[in-house]
Amino acid sequence: MVNQGNGVIINSSSIVGLNGNIGQTNYAATKVGLIGMTKTLAKELGKKG
């Protein structure tokens, strides 16, 4: 995508990643990781198209 100068990444997460939920520590951790990765990629690659 970087070589092409454009592209789209679509992923699906859950509000549990932001708010947490009783008994779902593992699930919440993976969802917040996905959210963080998406935001970081947007900052790193957004300026490259």
PDB file of N, CA and C in Angstrom:
ATOM      1  N   MET A   1       0.825  -1.194   0.000  1.00  0.00           N
ATOM      2  CA  MET A   1       0.000   0.000   0.000  1.00  0.00           C
ATOM      3  C   MET A   1       0.865   1.252   0.000  1.00  0.00           C
ATOM      4  N   VAL A   2       1.966   1.207   0.730  1.00  0.00           N
ATOM      5  CA  VAL A   2       2.842   2.382   0.752  1.00  0.00           C
ATOM      6  C   VAL A   2       3.416   2.626  -0.638  1.00  0.00           C
ATOM      7  N   ASN A   3       3.842   1.571  -1.306  1.00  0.00           N
ATOM      8  CA  ASN A   3       4.391   1.722  -2.662  1.00  0.00           C
ATOM      9  C   ASN A   3       3.361   2.242  -3.646  1.00  0.00           C
ATOM     10  N   GLN A   4       2.103   1.849  -3.479  1.00  0.00           N
ATOM     11  CA  GLN A   4       1.030   2.303  -4.363  1.00  0.00           C
ATOM     12  C   GLN A   4       0.598   3.724  -4.059  1.00  0.00           C
ATOM     13  N   GLY A   5       0.844   4.186  -2.841  1.00  0.00           N
ATOM     14  CA  GLY A   5       0.431   5.533  -2.456  1.00  0.00           C
ATOM     15  C   GLY A   5      -1.008   5.619  -1.984  1.00  0.00           C
ATOM     16  N   ASN A   6      -1.674   4.483  -1.843  1.00  0.00           N
ATOM     17  CA  ASN A   6      -3.031   4.486  -1.305  1.00  0.00           C
ATOM     18  C   ASN A   6      -3.400   3.085  -0.838  1.00  0.00           C
ATOM     19  N   GLY A   7      -4.482   3.006  -0.126  1.00  0.00           N
ATOM     20  CA  GLY A   7      -4.974   1.726   0.354  1.00  0.00           C
ATOM     21  C   GLY A   7      -5.955   1.932   1.487  1.00  0.00           C
ATOM     22  N   VAL A   8      -6.577   0.873   1.880  1.00  0.00           N
ATOM     23  CA  VAL A   8      -7.581   0.932   2.938  1.00  0.00           C
ATOM     24  C   VAL A   8      -7.375  -0.254   3.872  1.00  0.00           C
ATOM     25  N   ILE A   9      -7.398   0.017   5.157  1.00  0.00           N
ATOM     26  CA  ILE A   9      -7.384  -1.033   6.163  1.00  0.00           C
ATOM     27  C   ILE A   9      -8.698  -0.938   6.917  1.00  0.00           C
ATOM     28  N   ILE A  10      -9.426  -2.025   6.951  1.00  0.00           N
ATOM     29  CA  ILE A  10     -10.691  -2.062   7.671  1.00  0.00           C
ATOM     30  C   ILE A  10     -10.584  -3.147   8.730  1.00  0.00           C
ATOM     31  N   ASN A  11     -10.899  -2.792   9.968  1.00  0.00           N
ATOM     32  CA  ASN A  11     -10.969  -3.811  10.996  1.00  0.00           C
ATOM     33  C   ASN A  11     -12.151  -3.523  11.901  1.00  0.00           C
ATOM     34  N   SER A  12     -12.522  -4.525  12.638  1.00  0.00           N
ATOM     35  CA  SER A  12     -13.697  -4.426  13.488  1.00  0.00           C
ATOM     36  C   SER A  12     -13.285  -4.709  14.924  1.00  0.00           C
ATOM     37  N   SER A  13     -13.726  -3.872  15.835  1.00  0.00           N
ATOM     38  CA  SER A  13     -13.377  -4.047  17.240  1.00  0.00           C
ATOM     39  C   SER A  13     -14.653  -3.969  18.066  1.00  0.00           C
ATOM     40  N   SER A  14     -14.534  -3.555  19.298  1.00  0.00           N
ATOM     41  CA  SER A  14     -15.668  -3.546  20.200  1.00  0.00           C
ATOM     42  C   SER A  14     -15.523  -2.410  21.195  1.00  0.00           C
ATOM     43  N   ILE A  15     -16.630  -1.876  21.643  1.00  0.00           N
ATOM     44  CA  ILE A  15     -16.622  -0.829  22.657  1.00  0.00           C
ATOM     45  C   ILE A  15     -16.032  -1.347  23.965  1.00  0.00           C
ATOM     46  N   VAL A  16     -16.017  -2.661  24.132  1.00  0.00           N
ATOM     47  CA  VAL A  16     -15.428  -3.261  25.331  1.00  0.00           C
ATOM     48  C   VAL A  16     -13.941  -2.905  25.427  1.00  0.00           C
ATOM     49  N   GLY A  17     -13.305  -2.700  24.293  1.00  0.00           N
ATOM     50  CA  GLY A  17     -11.901  -2.295  24.306  1.00  0.00           C
ATOM     51  C   GLY A  17     -11.692  -0.937  24.937  1.00  0.00           C
ATOM     52  N   LEU A  18     -12.678  -0.082  24.873  1.00  0.00           N
ATOM     53  CA  LEU A  18     -12.572   1.254  25.460  1.00  0.00           C
ATOM     54  C   LEU A  18     -13.131   1.320  26.867  1.00  0.00           C
ATOM     55  N   ASN A  19     -14.201   0.583  27.128  1.00  0.00           N
ATOM     56  CA  ASN A  19     -14.896   0.689  28.410  1.00  0.00           C
ATOM     57  C   ASN A  19     -14.640  -0.468  29.357  1.00  0.00           C
ATOM     58  N   GLY A  20     -14.158  -1.588  28.840  1.00  0.00           N
ATOM     59  CA  GLY A  20     -13.974  -2.765  29.679  1.00  0.00           C
ATOM     60  C   GLY A  20     -15.300  -3.441  29.977  1.00  0.00           C
ATOM     61  N   ASN A  21     -15.216  -4.657  30.549  1.00  0.00           N
ATOM     62  CA  ASN A  21     -16.412  -5.407  30.899  1.00  0.00           C
ATOM     63  C   ASN A  21     -16.012  -6.459  31.922  1.00  0.00           C
ATOM     64  N   ILE A  22     -16.803  -6.638  32.928  1.00  0.00           N
ATOM     65  CA  ILE A  22     -16.496  -7.595  33.986  1.00  0.00           C
ATOM     66  C   ILE A  22     -16.337  -8.993  33.400  1.00  0.00           C
ATOM     67  N   GLY A  23     -15.251  -9.651  33.761  1.00  0.00           N
ATOM     68  CA  GLY A  23     -15.004 -11.018  33.323  1.00  0.00           C
ATOM     69  C   GLY A  23     -14.461 -11.155  31.920  1.00  0.00           C
ATOM     70  N   GLN A  24     -14.100 -10.049  31.284  1.00  0.00           N
ATOM     71  CA  GLN A  24     -13.622 -10.122  29.909  1.00  0.00           C
ATOM     72  C   GLN A  24     -12.276  -9.425  29.729  1.00  0.00           C
ATOM     73  N   THR A  25     -11.373  -9.661  30.653  1.00  0.00           N
ATOM     74  CA  THR A  25     -10.060  -9.017  30.590  1.00  0.00           C
ATOM     75  C   THR A  25      -9.327  -9.340  29.291  1.00  0.00           C
ATOM     76  N   ASN A  26      -9.269 -10.612  28.934  1.00  0.00           N
ATOM     77  CA  ASN A  26      -8.549 -11.018  27.716  1.00  0.00           C
ATOM     78  C   ASN A  26      -9.166 -10.366  26.477  1.00  0.00           C
ATOM     79  N   TYR A  27     -10.490 -10.407  26.396  1.00  0.00           N
ATOM     80  CA  TYR A  27     -11.210  -9.854  25.248  1.00  0.00           C
ATOM     81  C   TYR A  27     -10.971  -8.347  25.141  1.00  0.00           C
ATOM     82  N   ALA A  28     -11.098  -7.652  26.269  1.00  0.00           N
ATOM     83  CA  ALA A  28     -10.902  -6.199  26.266  1.00  0.00           C
ATOM     84  C   ALA A  28      -9.474  -5.841  25.853  1.00  0.00           C
ATOM     85  N   ALA A  29      -8.505  -6.609  26.320  1.00  0.00           N
ATOM     86  CA  ALA A  29      -7.104  -6.332  25.992  1.00  0.00           C
ATOM     87  C   ALA A  29      -6.841  -6.472  24.495  1.00  0.00           C
ATOM     88  N   THR A  30      -7.418  -7.497  23.876  1.00  0.00           N
ATOM     89  CA  THR A  30      -7.198  -7.660  22.437  1.00  0.00           C
ATOM     90  C   THR A  30      -7.889  -6.561  21.637  1.00  0.00           C
ATOM     91  N   LYS A  31      -9.057  -6.142  22.083  1.00  0.00           N
ATOM     92  CA  LYS A  31      -9.795  -5.107  21.350  1.00  0.00           C
ATOM     93  C   LYS A  31      -9.114  -3.749  21.467  1.00  0.00           C
ATOM     94  N   VAL A  32      -8.621  -3.415  22.650  1.00  0.00           N
ATOM     95  CA  VAL A  32      -7.937  -2.132  22.804  1.00  0.00           C
ATOM     96  C   VAL A  32      -6.603  -2.150  22.044  1.00  0.00           C
ATOM     97  N   GLY A  33      -5.981  -3.324  21.938  1.00  0.00           N
ATOM     98  CA  GLY A  33      -4.768  -3.450  21.125  1.00  0.00           C
ATOM     99  C   GLY A  33      -5.043  -3.178  19.658  1.00  0.00           C
ATOM    100  N   LEU A  34      -6.139  -3.699  19.161  1.00  0.00           N
ATOM    101  CA  LEU A  34      -6.536  -3.464  17.773  1.00  0.00           C
ATOM    102  C   LEU A  34      -6.837  -1.991  17.523  1.00  0.00           C
ATOM    103  N   ILE A  35      -7.526  -1.361  18.468  1.00  0.00           N
ATOM    104  CA  ILE A  35      -7.841   0.066  18.349  1.00  0.00           C
ATOM    105  C   ILE A  35      -6.550   0.887  18.323  1.00  0.00           C
ATOM    106  N   GLY A  36      -5.621   0.575  19.219  1.00  0.00           N
ATOM    107  CA  GLY A  36      -4.340   1.287  19.266  1.00  0.00           C
ATOM    108  C   GLY A  36      -3.523   1.096  18.008  1.00  0.00           C
ATOM    109  N   MET A  37      -3.496  -0.130  17.490  1.00  0.00           N
ATOM    110  CA  MET A  37      -2.759  -0.403  16.265  1.00  0.00           C
ATOM    111  C   MET A  37      -3.344   0.392  15.100  1.00  0.00           C
ATOM    112  N   THR A  38      -4.664   0.436  14.998  1.00  0.00           N
ATOM    113  CA  THR A  38      -5.324   1.161  13.915  1.00  0.00           C
ATOM    114  C   THR A  38      -5.012   2.650  13.972  1.00  0.00           C
ATOM    115  N   LYS A  39      -5.087   3.235  15.162  1.00  0.00           N
ATOM    116  CA  LYS A  39      -4.792   4.664  15.306  1.00  0.00           C
ATOM    117  C   LYS A  39      -3.329   4.963  14.983  1.00  0.00           C
ATOM    118  N   THR A  40      -2.433   4.069  15.398  1.00  0.00           N
ATOM    119  CA  THR A  40      -1.015   4.272  15.118  1.00  0.00           C
ATOM    120  C   THR A  40      -0.723   4.165  13.628  1.00  0.00           C
ATOM    121  N   LEU A  41      -1.294   3.153  12.971  1.00  0.00           N
ATOM    122  CA  LEU A  41      -1.098   3.027  11.530  1.00  0.00           C
ATOM    123  C   LEU A  41      -1.654   4.235  10.784  1.00  0.00           C
ATOM    124  N   ALA A  42      -2.783   4.749  11.237  1.00  0.00           N
ATOM    125  CA  ALA A  42      -3.359   5.934  10.593  1.00  0.00           C
ATOM    126  C   ALA A  42      -2.408   7.113  10.697  1.00  0.00           C
ATOM    127  N   LYS A  43      -1.785   7.294  11.851  1.00  0.00           N
ATOM    128  CA  LYS A  43      -0.839   8.405  12.020  1.00  0.00           C
ATOM    129  C   LYS A  43       0.431   8.193  11.198  1.00  0.00           C
ATOM    130  N   GLU A  44       0.935   6.965  11.174  1.00  0.00           N
ATOM    131  CA  GLU A  44       2.174   6.689  10.459  1.00  0.00           C
ATOM    132  C   GLU A  44       1.998   6.698   8.941  1.00  0.00           C
ATOM    133  N   LEU A  45       0.899   6.127   8.472  1.00  0.00           N
ATOM    134  CA  LEU A  45       0.734   5.939   7.035  1.00  0.00           C
ATOM    135  C   LEU A  45      -0.216   6.932   6.382  1.00  0.00           C
ATOM    136  N   GLY A  46      -0.993   7.646   7.169  1.00  0.00           N
ATOM    137  CA  GLY A  46      -1.968   8.579   6.615  1.00  0.00           C
ATOM    138  C   GLY A  46      -1.345   9.643   5.724  1.00  0.00           C
ATOM    139  N   LYS A  47      -0.217  10.136   6.120  1.00  0.00           N
ATOM    140  CA  LYS A  47       0.436  11.188   5.321  1.00  0.00           C
ATOM    141  C   LYS A  47       1.035  10.662   4.031  1.00  0.00           C
ATOM    142  N   LYS A  48       1.087   9.312   3.903  1.00  0.00           N
ATOM    143  CA  LYS A  48       1.615   8.709   2.684  1.00  0.00           C
ATOM    144  C   LYS A  48       0.492   8.283   1.739  1.00  0.00           C
ATOM    145  N   GLY A  49      -0.745   8.654   2.093  1.00  0.00           N
ATOM    146  CA  GLY A  49      -1.877   8.343   1.221  1.00  0.00           C
ATOM    147  C   GLY A  49      -2.617   7.121   1.671  1.00  0.00           C
TER     148      GLY A  49
END
